[in-house]
Amino acid sequence: MLTKISQGLGILPIVVFLIFLKRNNKKGEWVIFLYCILSFITDQIYGFLKAKNYTFSVFSSFTFVEYALFSLFIYLSLKEKAFKVILIICSAIFYGITIFTFAGKRIDSFDSLSASFEASLMIVYCIFFLYERMKDPAIFYIYYFKDFWIIIALLLYFSSTLFLFIYAATFTSQEHRNYWGINNIFDILKTVLFTISFIMKDNNKKQEFSLGTSYNEM
Protein backbone atom coordinates (compact mmCIF):
# COMPACT_ATOMS: atom_id res chain seq x y z
CA MET A 1 0.00 0.00 0.00
CA LEU A 2 2.74 2.46 0.99
CA THR A 3 4.68 1.56 -2.14
CA LYS A 4 1.72 2.44 -4.38
CA ILE A 5 1.17 5.73 -2.53
CA SER A 6 4.85 6.60 -2.80
CA GLN A 7 4.93 5.81 -6.51
CA GLY A 8 1.66 7.57 -7.31
CA LEU A 9 2.46 10.67 -5.28
CA GLY A 10 5.54 11.26 -7.41
CA ILE A 11 3.40 13.10 -9.96
CA LEU A 12 2.44 15.78 -7.40
CA PRO A 13 5.65 17.90 -7.39
CA ILE A 14 5.79 17.68 -11.19
CA VAL A 15 2.28 19.12 -11.57
CA VAL A 16 2.84 21.76 -8.87
CA PHE A 17 6.13 22.86 -10.45
CA LEU A 18 4.41 23.43 -13.79
CA ILE A 19 1.48 25.28 -12.16
CA PHE A 20 3.85 27.63 -10.32
CA LEU A 21 6.43 27.73 -13.09
CA LYS A 22 7.16 31.45 -12.68
CA ARG A 23 8.15 30.86 -9.04
CA ASN A 24 10.62 28.12 -9.96
CA ASN A 25 13.06 29.79 -12.31
CA LYS A 26 16.40 28.97 -10.65
CA LYS A 27 18.76 26.30 -11.93
CA GLY A 28 18.59 24.32 -8.69
CA GLU A 29 14.82 24.10 -8.81
CA TRP A 30 14.95 22.81 -12.39
CA VAL A 31 17.45 20.16 -11.28
CA ILE A 32 15.03 18.89 -8.64
CA PHE A 33 12.18 19.04 -11.16
CA LEU A 34 14.20 16.83 -13.52
CA TYR A 35 14.84 14.41 -10.64
CA CYS A 36 11.10 14.23 -9.90
CA ILE A 37 10.36 13.36 -13.53
CA LEU A 38 13.03 10.65 -13.70
CA SER A 39 12.01 9.24 -10.32
CA PHE A 40 8.35 9.04 -11.34
CA ILE A 41 9.17 7.35 -14.64
CA THR A 42 11.48 4.84 -12.93
CA ASP A 43 8.78 3.98 -10.37
CA GLN A 44 6.24 3.33 -13.11
CA ILE A 45 8.45 0.93 -15.08
CA TYR A 46 10.10 -0.73 -12.07
CA GLY A 47 7.57 -3.56 -11.89
CA PHE A 48 8.24 -4.57 -15.48
CA LEU A 49 12.02 -4.38 -15.11
CA LYS A 50 11.87 -6.34 -11.86
CA ALA A 51 10.03 -9.14 -13.62
CA LYS A 52 12.86 -9.25 -16.16
CA ASN A 53 15.50 -9.62 -13.40
CA TYR A 54 16.95 -6.17 -13.95
CA THR A 55 16.61 -5.13 -10.30
CA PHE A 56 20.30 -4.50 -9.66
CA SER A 57 20.70 -2.52 -12.88
CA VAL A 58 17.63 -0.41 -12.08
CA PHE A 59 18.78 0.45 -8.55
CA SER A 60 22.39 1.06 -9.55
CA SER A 61 21.52 3.23 -12.54
CA PHE A 62 18.96 5.26 -10.61
CA THR A 63 21.38 5.76 -7.71
CA PHE A 64 23.96 7.06 -10.19
CA VAL A 65 21.54 9.58 -11.72
CA GLU A 66 19.94 10.50 -8.39
CA TYR A 67 23.32 11.31 -6.86
CA ALA A 68 24.32 13.35 -9.92
CA LEU A 69 21.18 15.53 -9.70
CA PHE A 70 21.16 15.97 -5.92
CA SER A 71 24.87 16.75 -5.75
CA LEU A 72 24.46 19.25 -8.61
CA PHE A 73 21.63 20.96 -6.73
CA ILE A 74 23.73 21.21 -3.58
CA TYR A 75 26.78 22.37 -5.54
CA LEU A 76 24.71 25.20 -7.02
CA SER A 77 23.42 26.08 -3.54
CA LEU A 78 26.80 26.13 -1.77
CA LYS A 79 28.86 29.31 -1.59
CA GLU A 80 32.11 28.32 0.11
CA LYS A 81 34.75 27.09 -2.31
CA ALA A 82 36.15 24.54 0.18
CA PHE A 83 32.79 22.78 0.44
CA LYS A 84 32.47 22.68 -3.36
CA VAL A 85 35.94 21.15 -3.70
CA ILE A 86 35.09 18.48 -1.12
CA LEU A 87 31.88 17.71 -3.00
CA ILE A 88 33.76 17.29 -6.29
CA ILE A 89 36.38 14.98 -4.74
CA CYS A 90 33.75 12.86 -2.99
CA SER A 91 31.74 12.68 -6.20
CA ALA A 92 34.72 11.29 -8.09
CA ILE A 93 35.09 8.59 -5.41
CA PHE A 94 31.38 7.84 -5.52
CA TYR A 95 31.32 7.42 -9.29
CA GLY A 96 34.34 5.12 -9.11
CA ILE A 97 32.59 2.91 -6.54
CA THR A 98 29.33 2.91 -8.53
CA ILE A 99 31.05 1.90 -11.78
CA PHE A 100 32.99 -0.83 -9.94
CA THR A 101 29.88 -2.33 -8.33
CA PHE A 102 27.89 -2.10 -11.56
CA ALA A 103 30.62 -3.96 -13.45
CA GLY A 104 30.43 -6.82 -10.94
CA LYS A 105 26.64 -6.79 -10.70
CA ARG A 106 24.52 -9.66 -9.53
CA ILE A 107 21.02 -10.27 -10.82
CA ASP A 108 18.17 -9.37 -8.47
CA SER A 109 20.36 -7.75 -5.81
CA PHE A 110 20.08 -4.32 -4.22
CA ASP A 111 23.01 -1.97 -4.75
CA SER A 112 23.72 -1.46 -1.04
CA LEU A 113 27.27 -0.14 -1.36
CA SER A 114 26.49 2.71 -3.75
CA ALA A 115 23.15 3.57 -2.12
CA SER A 116 24.54 3.71 1.42
CA PHE A 117 27.59 5.70 0.29
CA GLU A 118 25.29 8.12 -1.52
CA ALA A 119 23.19 8.53 1.63
CA SER A 120 26.29 9.21 3.75
CA LEU A 121 27.60 11.84 1.33
CA MET A 122 24.22 13.55 1.02
CA ILE A 123 23.95 13.88 4.80
CA VAL A 124 27.37 15.56 4.87
CA TYR A 125 26.49 17.88 1.98
CA CYS A 126 23.23 18.89 3.67
CA ILE A 127 25.17 19.74 6.83
CA PHE A 128 27.50 21.90 4.73
CA PHE A 129 24.49 23.77 3.35
CA LEU A 130 22.86 24.31 6.76
CA TYR A 131 26.17 25.43 8.27
CA GLU A 132 26.59 28.06 5.57
CA ARG A 133 23.07 29.37 5.96
CA MET A 134 23.18 29.47 9.76
CA LYS A 135 26.35 31.55 9.87
CA ASP A 136 25.19 33.97 7.16
CA PRO A 137 24.14 37.22 8.95
CA ALA A 138 22.01 38.22 5.96
CA ILE A 139 19.69 35.27 6.52
CA PHE A 140 17.20 35.93 9.30
CA TYR A 141 14.56 33.27 8.68
CA ILE A 142 16.13 30.30 6.88
CA TYR A 143 12.77 28.63 6.35
CA TYR A 144 11.75 31.45 3.97
CA PHE A 145 14.09 29.96 1.36
CA LYS A 146 12.88 27.35 -1.12
CA ASP A 147 16.18 25.46 -1.16
CA PHE A 148 16.01 25.02 2.64
CA TRP A 149 12.97 22.76 2.32
CA ILE A 150 14.63 20.73 -0.42
CA ILE A 151 17.71 20.25 1.78
CA ILE A 152 15.54 19.23 4.74
CA ALA A 153 13.77 16.71 2.51
CA LEU A 154 17.11 15.19 1.48
CA LEU A 155 18.48 15.20 5.02
CA LEU A 156 15.42 13.48 6.48
CA TYR A 157 15.22 10.93 3.68
CA PHE A 158 18.87 9.88 3.60
CA SER A 159 19.42 9.93 7.36
CA SER A 160 16.36 7.71 7.87
CA THR A 161 17.25 5.22 5.13
CA LEU A 162 21.03 5.01 5.53
CA PHE A 163 21.08 1.85 7.64
CA LEU A 164 18.22 0.38 5.61
CA PHE A 165 20.34 0.70 2.48
CA ILE A 166 23.40 -0.77 4.22
CA TYR A 167 21.58 -4.03 5.02
CA ALA A 168 19.06 -4.14 2.15
CA ALA A 169 21.14 -6.52 0.00
CA THR A 170 21.02 -9.15 2.77
CA PHE A 171 17.26 -8.96 3.34
CA THR A 172 15.06 -11.96 2.72
CA SER A 173 11.81 -11.37 0.85
CA GLN A 174 9.91 -11.20 4.14
CA GLU A 175 12.39 -8.78 5.71
CA HIS A 176 12.20 -6.60 2.62
CA ARG A 177 8.40 -6.43 2.97
CA ASN A 178 8.72 -5.67 6.69
CA TYR A 179 11.33 -2.92 6.50
CA TRP A 180 10.97 -1.29 3.09
CA GLY A 181 8.02 0.68 4.41
CA ILE A 182 10.60 2.95 6.09
CA ASN A 183 11.87 3.97 2.68
CA ASN A 184 8.34 4.50 1.38
CA ILE A 185 7.31 6.70 4.33
CA PHE A 186 10.28 9.02 4.03
CA ASP A 187 10.05 9.02 0.25
CA ILE A 188 6.50 10.32 0.63
CA LEU A 189 7.76 12.97 3.07
CA LYS A 190 10.50 13.95 0.61
CA THR A 191 7.92 14.32 -2.16
CA VAL A 192 5.68 16.49 0.03
CA LEU A 193 8.57 18.78 1.02
CA PHE A 194 9.64 19.13 -2.63
CA THR A 195 6.07 20.11 -3.43
CA ILE A 196 6.02 22.71 -0.63
CA SER A 197 9.24 24.19 -1.99
CA PHE A 198 7.79 24.46 -5.50
CA ILE A 199 4.69 26.24 -4.13
CA MET A 200 6.66 28.80 -2.13
CA LYS A 201 7.50 32.24 -3.44
CA ASP A 202 11.10 33.40 -3.42
CA ASN A 203 11.21 35.66 -0.36
CA ASN A 204 14.82 36.82 -0.63
CA LYS A 205 13.97 40.43 -1.45
CA LYS A 206 11.33 40.62 1.24
CA GLN A 207 13.76 39.30 3.82
CA GLU A 208 16.49 41.77 2.87
CA PHE A 209 13.98 44.63 3.18
CA SER A 210 12.93 43.47 6.63
CA LEU A 211 16.52 43.30 7.80
CA GLY A 212 17.26 46.75 6.40
CA THR A 213 14.20 48.20 8.04
CA SER A 214 15.10 46.69 11.40
CA TYR A 215 18.64 48.05 11.14
CA ASN A 216 17.44 51.58 10.37
CA GLU A 217 14.98 51.49 13.24
CA MET A 218 17.82 50.61 15.61
C-alpha atoms as a PDB file:
ATOM      1  CA  MET A   1       0.000   0.000   0.000  1.00  0.00           C
ATOM      2  CA  LEU A   2       2.737   2.464   0.989  1.00  0.00           C
ATOM      3  CA  THR A   3       4.676   1.558  -2.135  1.00  0.00           C
ATOM      4  CA  LYS A   4       1.725   2.442  -4.375  1.00  0.00           C
ATOM      5  CA  ILE A   5       1.171   5.732  -2.530  1.00  0.00           C
ATOM      6  CA  SER A   6       4.853   6.602  -2.798  1.00  0.00           C
ATOM      7  CA  GLN A   7       4.929   5.806  -6.512  1.00  0.00           C
ATOM      8  CA  GLY A   8       1.662   7.570  -7.315  1.00  0.00           C
ATOM      9  CA  LEU A   9       2.456  10.670  -5.280  1.00  0.00           C
ATOM     10  CA  GLY A  10       5.543  11.261  -7.413  1.00  0.00           C
ATOM     11  CA  ILE A  11       3.397  13.097  -9.958  1.00  0.00           C
ATOM     12  CA  LEU A  12       2.444  15.781  -7.396  1.00  0.00           C
ATOM     13  CA  PRO A  13       5.649  17.899  -7.395  1.00  0.00           C
ATOM     14  CA  ILE A  14       5.794  17.685 -11.192  1.00  0.00           C
ATOM     15  CA  VAL A  15       2.278  19.117 -11.568  1.00  0.00           C
ATOM     16  CA  VAL A  16       2.841  21.760  -8.875  1.00  0.00           C
ATOM     17  CA  PHE A  17       6.134  22.860 -10.448  1.00  0.00           C
ATOM     18  CA  LEU A  18       4.405  23.427 -13.786  1.00  0.00           C
ATOM     19  CA  ILE A  19       1.480  25.278 -12.162  1.00  0.00           C
ATOM     20  CA  PHE A  20       3.852  27.627 -10.320  1.00  0.00           C
ATOM     21  CA  LEU A  21       6.431  27.735 -13.094  1.00  0.00           C
ATOM     22  CA  LYS A  22       7.165  31.455 -12.676  1.00  0.00           C
ATOM     23  CA  ARG A  23       8.155  30.865  -9.042  1.00  0.00           C
ATOM     24  CA  ASN A  24      10.617  28.123  -9.956  1.00  0.00           C
ATOM     25  CA  ASN A  25      13.058  29.788 -12.310  1.00  0.00           C
ATOM     26  CA  LYS A  26      16.395  28.969 -10.655  1.00  0.00           C
ATOM     27  CA  LYS A  27      18.764  26.302 -11.933  1.00  0.00           C
ATOM     28  CA  GLY A  28      18.593  24.319  -8.692  1.00  0.00           C
ATOM     29  CA  GLU A  29      14.820  24.104  -8.813  1.00  0.00           C
ATOM     30  CA  TRP A  30      14.947  22.815 -12.395  1.00  0.00           C
ATOM     31  CA  VAL A  31      17.451  20.156 -11.284  1.00  0.00           C
ATOM     32  CA  ILE A  32      15.026  18.892  -8.637  1.00  0.00           C
ATOM     33  CA  PHE A  33      12.181  19.036 -11.157  1.00  0.00           C
ATOM     34  CA  LEU A  34      14.200  16.831 -13.520  1.00  0.00           C
ATOM     35  CA  TYR A  35      14.842  14.408 -10.643  1.00  0.00           C
ATOM     36  CA  CYS A  36      11.104  14.227  -9.901  1.00  0.00           C
ATOM     37  CA  ILE A  37      10.364  13.355 -13.530  1.00  0.00           C
ATOM     38  CA  LEU A  38      13.032  10.649 -13.700  1.00  0.00           C
ATOM     39  CA  SER A  39      12.008   9.238 -10.323  1.00  0.00           C
ATOM     40  CA  PHE A  40       8.351   9.043 -11.335  1.00  0.00           C
ATOM     41  CA  ILE A  41       9.175   7.347 -14.642  1.00  0.00           C
ATOM     42  CA  THR A  42      11.481   4.844 -12.928  1.00  0.00           C
ATOM     43  CA  ASP A  43       8.784   3.981 -10.371  1.00  0.00           C
ATOM     44  CA  GLN A  44       6.244   3.328 -13.106  1.00  0.00           C
ATOM     45  CA  ILE A  45       8.449   0.931 -15.082  1.00  0.00           C
ATOM     46  CA  TYR A  46      10.099  -0.727 -12.070  1.00  0.00           C
ATOM     47  CA  GLY A  47       7.571  -3.557 -11.888  1.00  0.00           C
ATOM     48  CA  PHE A  48       8.242  -4.572 -15.482  1.00  0.00           C
ATOM     49  CA  LEU A  49      12.018  -4.381 -15.105  1.00  0.00           C
ATOM     50  CA  LYS A  50      11.874  -6.343 -11.856  1.00  0.00           C
ATOM     51  CA  ALA A  51      10.028  -9.141 -13.625  1.00  0.00           C
ATOM     52  CA  LYS A  52      12.861  -9.253 -16.158  1.00  0.00           C
ATOM     53  CA  ASN A  53      15.503  -9.625 -13.405  1.00  0.00           C
ATOM     54  CA  TYR A  54      16.954  -6.166 -13.949  1.00  0.00           C
ATOM     55  CA  THR A  55      16.607  -5.131 -10.298  1.00  0.00           C
ATOM     56  CA  PHE A  56      20.300  -4.504  -9.656  1.00  0.00           C
ATOM     57  CA  SER A  57      20.700  -2.522 -12.883  1.00  0.00           C
ATOM     58  CA  VAL A  58      17.625  -0.410 -12.081  1.00  0.00           C
ATOM     59  CA  PHE A  59      18.778   0.448  -8.554  1.00  0.00           C
ATOM     60  CA  SER A  60      22.389   1.057  -9.547  1.00  0.00           C
ATOM     61  CA  SER A  61      21.516   3.234 -12.543  1.00  0.00           C
ATOM     62  CA  PHE A  62      18.962   5.257 -10.610  1.00  0.00           C
ATOM     63  CA  THR A  63      21.383   5.761  -7.710  1.00  0.00           C
ATOM     64  CA  PHE A  64      23.962   7.058 -10.191  1.00  0.00           C
ATOM     65  CA  VAL A  65      21.541   9.576 -11.716  1.00  0.00           C
ATOM     66  CA  GLU A  66      19.945  10.495  -8.394  1.00  0.00           C
ATOM     67  CA  TYR A  67      23.319  11.313  -6.863  1.00  0.00           C
ATOM     68  CA  ALA A  68      24.318  13.355  -9.916  1.00  0.00           C
ATOM     69  CA  LEU A  69      21.179  15.526  -9.696  1.00  0.00           C
ATOM     70  CA  PHE A  70      21.157  15.972  -5.917  1.00  0.00           C
ATOM     71  CA  SER A  71      24.871  16.754  -5.751  1.00  0.00           C
ATOM     72  CA  LEU A  72      24.455  19.250  -8.613  1.00  0.00           C
ATOM     73  CA  PHE A  73      21.629  20.959  -6.734  1.00  0.00           C
ATOM     74  CA  ILE A  74      23.725  21.214  -3.577  1.00  0.00           C
ATOM     75  CA  TYR A  75      26.781  22.369  -5.545  1.00  0.00           C
ATOM     76  CA  LEU A  76      24.705  25.201  -7.020  1.00  0.00           C
ATOM     77  CA  SER A  77      23.419  26.084  -3.538  1.00  0.00           C
ATOM     78  CA  LEU A  78      26.797  26.131  -1.775  1.00  0.00           C
ATOM     79  CA  LYS A  79      28.859  29.312  -1.589  1.00  0.00           C
ATOM     80  CA  GLU A  80      32.107  28.319   0.109  1.00  0.00           C
ATOM     81  CA  LYS A  81      34.752  27.091  -2.310  1.00  0.00           C
ATOM     82  CA  ALA A  82      36.151  24.544   0.177  1.00  0.00           C
ATOM     83  CA  PHE A  83      32.789  22.777   0.437  1.00  0.00           C
ATOM     84  CA  LYS A  84      32.470  22.678  -3.359  1.00  0.00           C
ATOM     85  CA  VAL A  85      35.944  21.151  -3.703  1.00  0.00           C
ATOM     86  CA  ILE A  86      35.090  18.475  -1.122  1.00  0.00           C
ATOM     87  CA  LEU A  87      31.881  17.708  -3.004  1.00  0.00           C
ATOM     88  CA  ILE A  88      33.764  17.291  -6.291  1.00  0.00           C
ATOM     89  CA  ILE A  89      36.381  14.978  -4.740  1.00  0.00           C
ATOM     90  CA  CYS A  90      33.753  12.858  -2.987  1.00  0.00           C
ATOM     91  CA  SER A  91      31.744  12.679  -6.196  1.00  0.00           C
ATOM     92  CA  ALA A  92      34.722  11.287  -8.091  1.00  0.00           C
ATOM     93  CA  ILE A  93      35.093   8.587  -5.410  1.00  0.00           C
ATOM     94  CA  PHE A  94      31.377   7.840  -5.517  1.00  0.00           C
ATOM     95  CA  TYR A  95      31.317   7.421  -9.294  1.00  0.00           C
ATOM     96  CA  GLY A  96      34.342   5.123  -9.106  1.00  0.00           C
ATOM     97  CA  ILE A  97      32.591   2.910  -6.544  1.00  0.00           C
ATOM     98  CA  THR A  98      29.334   2.906  -8.529  1.00  0.00           C
ATOM     99  CA  ILE A  99      31.050   1.900 -11.777  1.00  0.00           C
ATOM    100  CA  PHE A 100      32.987  -0.830  -9.941  1.00  0.00           C
ATOM    101  CA  THR A 101      29.884  -2.331  -8.330  1.00  0.00           C
ATOM    102  CA  PHE A 102      27.888  -2.097 -11.561  1.00  0.00           C
ATOM    103  CA  ALA A 103      30.625  -3.962 -13.450  1.00  0.00           C
ATOM    104  CA  GLY A 104      30.429  -6.820 -10.945  1.00  0.00           C
ATOM    105  CA  LYS A 105      26.636  -6.788 -10.705  1.00  0.00           C
ATOM    106  CA  ARG A 106      24.525  -9.663  -9.528  1.00  0.00           C
ATOM    107  CA  ILE A 107      21.024 -10.268 -10.816  1.00  0.00           C
ATOM    108  CA  ASP A 108      18.173  -9.371  -8.473  1.00  0.00           C
ATOM    109  CA  SER A 109      20.356  -7.755  -5.814  1.00  0.00           C
ATOM    110  CA  PHE A 110      20.075  -4.320  -4.222  1.00  0.00           C
ATOM    111  CA  ASP A 111      23.011  -1.974  -4.746  1.00  0.00           C
ATOM    112  CA  SER A 112      23.718  -1.456  -1.041  1.00  0.00           C
ATOM    113  CA  LEU A 113      27.273  -0.139  -1.362  1.00  0.00           C
ATOM    114  CA  SER A 114      26.486   2.712  -3.750  1.00  0.00           C
ATOM    115  CA  ALA A 115      23.149   3.574  -2.122  1.00  0.00           C
ATOM    116  CA  SER A 116      24.543   3.707   1.422  1.00  0.00           C
ATOM    117  CA  PHE A 117      27.592   5.696   0.294  1.00  0.00           C
ATOM    118  CA  GLU A 118      25.289   8.122  -1.517  1.00  0.00           C
ATOM    119  CA  ALA A 119      23.194   8.531   1.632  1.00  0.00           C
ATOM    120  CA  SER A 120      26.293   9.214   3.754  1.00  0.00           C
ATOM    121  CA  LEU A 121      27.595  11.842   1.334  1.00  0.00           C
ATOM    122  CA  MET A 122      24.223  13.549   1.018  1.00  0.00           C
ATOM    123  CA  ILE A 123      23.948  13.877   4.798  1.00  0.00           C
ATOM    124  CA  VAL A 124      27.374  15.558   4.866  1.00  0.00           C
ATOM    125  CA  TYR A 125      26.489  17.876   1.976  1.00  0.00           C
ATOM    126  CA  CYS A 126      23.234  18.889   3.671  1.00  0.00           C
ATOM    127  CA  ILE A 127      25.170  19.739   6.830  1.00  0.00           C
ATOM    128  CA  PHE A 128      27.497  21.903   4.726  1.00  0.00           C
ATOM    129  CA  PHE A 129      24.489  23.773   3.349  1.00  0.00           C
ATOM    130  CA  LEU A 130      22.862  24.313   6.755  1.00  0.00           C
ATOM    131  CA  TYR A 131      26.170  25.428   8.273  1.00  0.00           C
ATOM    132  CA  GLU A 132      26.587  28.058   5.571  1.00  0.00           C
ATOM    133  CA  ARG A 133      23.074  29.368   5.961  1.00  0.00           C
ATOM    134  CA  MET A 134      23.177  29.472   9.758  1.00  0.00           C
ATOM    135  CA  LYS A 135      26.354  31.548   9.866  1.00  0.00           C
ATOM    136  CA  ASP A 136      25.189  33.972   7.162  1.00  0.00           C
ATOM    137  CA  PRO A 137      24.144  37.217   8.947  1.00  0.00           C
ATOM    138  CA  ALA A 138      22.010  38.223   5.958  1.00  0.00           C
ATOM    139  CA  ILE A 139      19.689  35.270   6.519  1.00  0.00           C
ATOM    140  CA  PHE A 140      17.202  35.927   9.303  1.00  0.00           C
ATOM    141  CA  TYR A 141      14.557  33.274   8.679  1.00  0.00           C
ATOM    142  CA  ILE A 142      16.126  30.301   6.884  1.00  0.00           C
ATOM    143  CA  TYR A 143      12.770  28.631   6.347  1.00  0.00           C
ATOM    144  CA  TYR A 144      11.753  31.446   3.968  1.00  0.00           C
ATOM    145  CA  PHE A 145      14.086  29.963   1.363  1.00  0.00           C
ATOM    146  CA  LYS A 146      12.879  27.354  -1.117  1.00  0.00           C
ATOM    147  CA  ASP A 147      16.180  25.461  -1.157  1.00  0.00           C
ATOM    148  CA  PHE A 148      16.014  25.025   2.636  1.00  0.00           C
ATOM    149  CA  TRP A 149      12.968  22.759   2.317  1.00  0.00           C
ATOM    150  CA  ILE A 150      14.631  20.731  -0.416  1.00  0.00           C
ATOM    151  CA  ILE A 151      17.712  20.247   1.779  1.00  0.00           C
ATOM    152  CA  ILE A 152      15.544  19.228   4.738  1.00  0.00           C
ATOM    153  CA  ALA A 153      13.770  16.712   2.506  1.00  0.00           C
ATOM    154  CA  LEU A 154      17.112  15.194   1.479  1.00  0.00           C
ATOM    155  CA  LEU A 155      18.483  15.202   5.020  1.00  0.00           C
ATOM    156  CA  LEU A 156      15.421  13.484   6.482  1.00  0.00           C
ATOM    157  CA  TYR A 157      15.222  10.934   3.683  1.00  0.00           C
ATOM    158  CA  PHE A 158      18.869   9.875   3.598  1.00  0.00           C
ATOM    159  CA  SER A 159      19.418   9.925   7.362  1.00  0.00           C
ATOM    160  CA  SER A 160      16.357   7.711   7.871  1.00  0.00           C
ATOM    161  CA  THR A 161      17.248   5.220   5.133  1.00  0.00           C
ATOM    162  CA  LEU A 162      21.034   5.013   5.527  1.00  0.00           C
ATOM    163  CA  PHE A 163      21.078   1.847   7.636  1.00  0.00           C
ATOM    164  CA  LEU A 164      18.218   0.381   5.615  1.00  0.00           C
ATOM    165  CA  PHE A 165      20.342   0.702   2.475  1.00  0.00           C
ATOM    166  CA  ILE A 166      23.396  -0.770   4.215  1.00  0.00           C
ATOM    167  CA  TYR A 167      21.584  -4.025   5.024  1.00  0.00           C
ATOM    168  CA  ALA A 168      19.063  -4.143   2.150  1.00  0.00           C
ATOM    169  CA  ALA A 169      21.140  -6.522   0.004  1.00  0.00           C
ATOM    170  CA  THR A 170      21.023  -9.148   2.773  1.00  0.00           C
ATOM    171  CA  PHE A 171      17.261  -8.963   3.343  1.00  0.00           C
ATOM    172  CA  THR A 172      15.062 -11.960   2.722  1.00  0.00           C
ATOM    173  CA  SER A 173      11.807 -11.370   0.853  1.00  0.00           C
ATOM    174  CA  GLN A 174       9.905 -11.198   4.145  1.00  0.00           C
ATOM    175  CA  GLU A 175      12.388  -8.777   5.707  1.00  0.00           C
ATOM    176  CA  HIS A 176      12.197  -6.598   2.622  1.00  0.00           C
ATOM    177  CA  ARG A 177       8.401  -6.431   2.968  1.00  0.00           C
ATOM    178  CA  ASN A 178       8.716  -5.669   6.687  1.00  0.00           C
ATOM    179  CA  TYR A 179      11.326  -2.925   6.503  1.00  0.00           C
ATOM    180  CA  TRP A 180      10.975  -1.289   3.089  1.00  0.00           C
ATOM    181  CA  GLY A 181       8.022   0.679   4.415  1.00  0.00           C
ATOM    182  CA  ILE A 182      10.605   2.947   6.091  1.00  0.00           C
ATOM    183  CA  ASN A 183      11.871   3.966   2.678  1.00  0.00           C
ATOM    184  CA  ASN A 184       8.342   4.501   1.379  1.00  0.00           C
ATOM    185  CA  ILE A 185       7.311   6.696   4.327  1.00  0.00           C
ATOM    186  CA  PHE A 186      10.283   9.021   4.031  1.00  0.00           C
ATOM    187  CA  ASP A 187      10.054   9.017   0.245  1.00  0.00           C
ATOM    188  CA  ILE A 188       6.504  10.317   0.633  1.00  0.00           C
ATOM    189  CA  LEU A 189       7.755  12.968   3.068  1.00  0.00           C
ATOM    190  CA  LYS A 190      10.496  13.952   0.609  1.00  0.00           C
ATOM    191  CA  THR A 191       7.922  14.322  -2.161  1.00  0.00           C
ATOM    192  CA  VAL A 192       5.684  16.487   0.031  1.00  0.00           C
ATOM    193  CA  LEU A 193       8.570  18.781   1.017  1.00  0.00           C
ATOM    194  CA  PHE A 194       9.641  19.126  -2.628  1.00  0.00           C
ATOM    195  CA  THR A 195       6.067  20.111  -3.428  1.00  0.00           C
ATOM    196  CA  ILE A 196       6.021  22.708  -0.635  1.00  0.00           C
ATOM    197  CA  SER A 197       9.239  24.187  -1.990  1.00  0.00           C
ATOM    198  CA  PHE A 198       7.786  24.460  -5.496  1.00  0.00           C
ATOM    199  CA  ILE A 199       4.686  26.241  -4.135  1.00  0.00           C
ATOM    200  CA  MET A 200       6.655  28.802  -2.128  1.00  0.00           C
ATOM    201  CA  LYS A 201       7.495  32.242  -3.440  1.00  0.00           C
ATOM    202  CA  ASP A 202      11.099  33.405  -3.419  1.00  0.00           C
ATOM    203  CA  ASN A 203      11.211  35.659  -0.360  1.00  0.00           C
ATOM    204  CA  ASN A 204      14.823  36.820  -0.625  1.00  0.00           C
ATOM    205  CA  LYS A 205      13.971  40.428  -1.451  1.00  0.00           C
ATOM    206  CA  LYS A 206      11.325  40.625   1.238  1.00  0.00           C
ATOM    207  CA  GLN A 207      13.757  39.302   3.825  1.00  0.00           C
ATOM    208  CA  GLU A 208      16.486  41.769   2.872  1.00  0.00           C
ATOM    209  CA  PHE A 209      13.975  44.631   3.176  1.00  0.00           C
ATOM    210  CA  SER A 210      12.925  43.467   6.631  1.00  0.00           C
ATOM    211  CA  LEU A 211      16.517  43.299   7.799  1.00  0.00           C
ATOM    212  CA  GLY A 212      17.264  46.746   6.401  1.00  0.00           C
ATOM    213  CA  THR A 213      14.199  48.198   8.040  1.00  0.00           C
ATOM    214  CA  SER A 214      15.101  46.691  11.401  1.00  0.00           C
ATOM    215  CA  TYR A 215      18.635  48.053  11.137  1.00  0.00           C
ATOM    216  CA  ASN A 216      17.444  51.578  10.373  1.00  0.00           C
ATOM    217  CA  GLU A 217      14.983  51.488  13.239  1.00  0.00           C
ATOM    218  CA  MET A 218      17.820  50.614  15.606  1.00  0.00           C
END
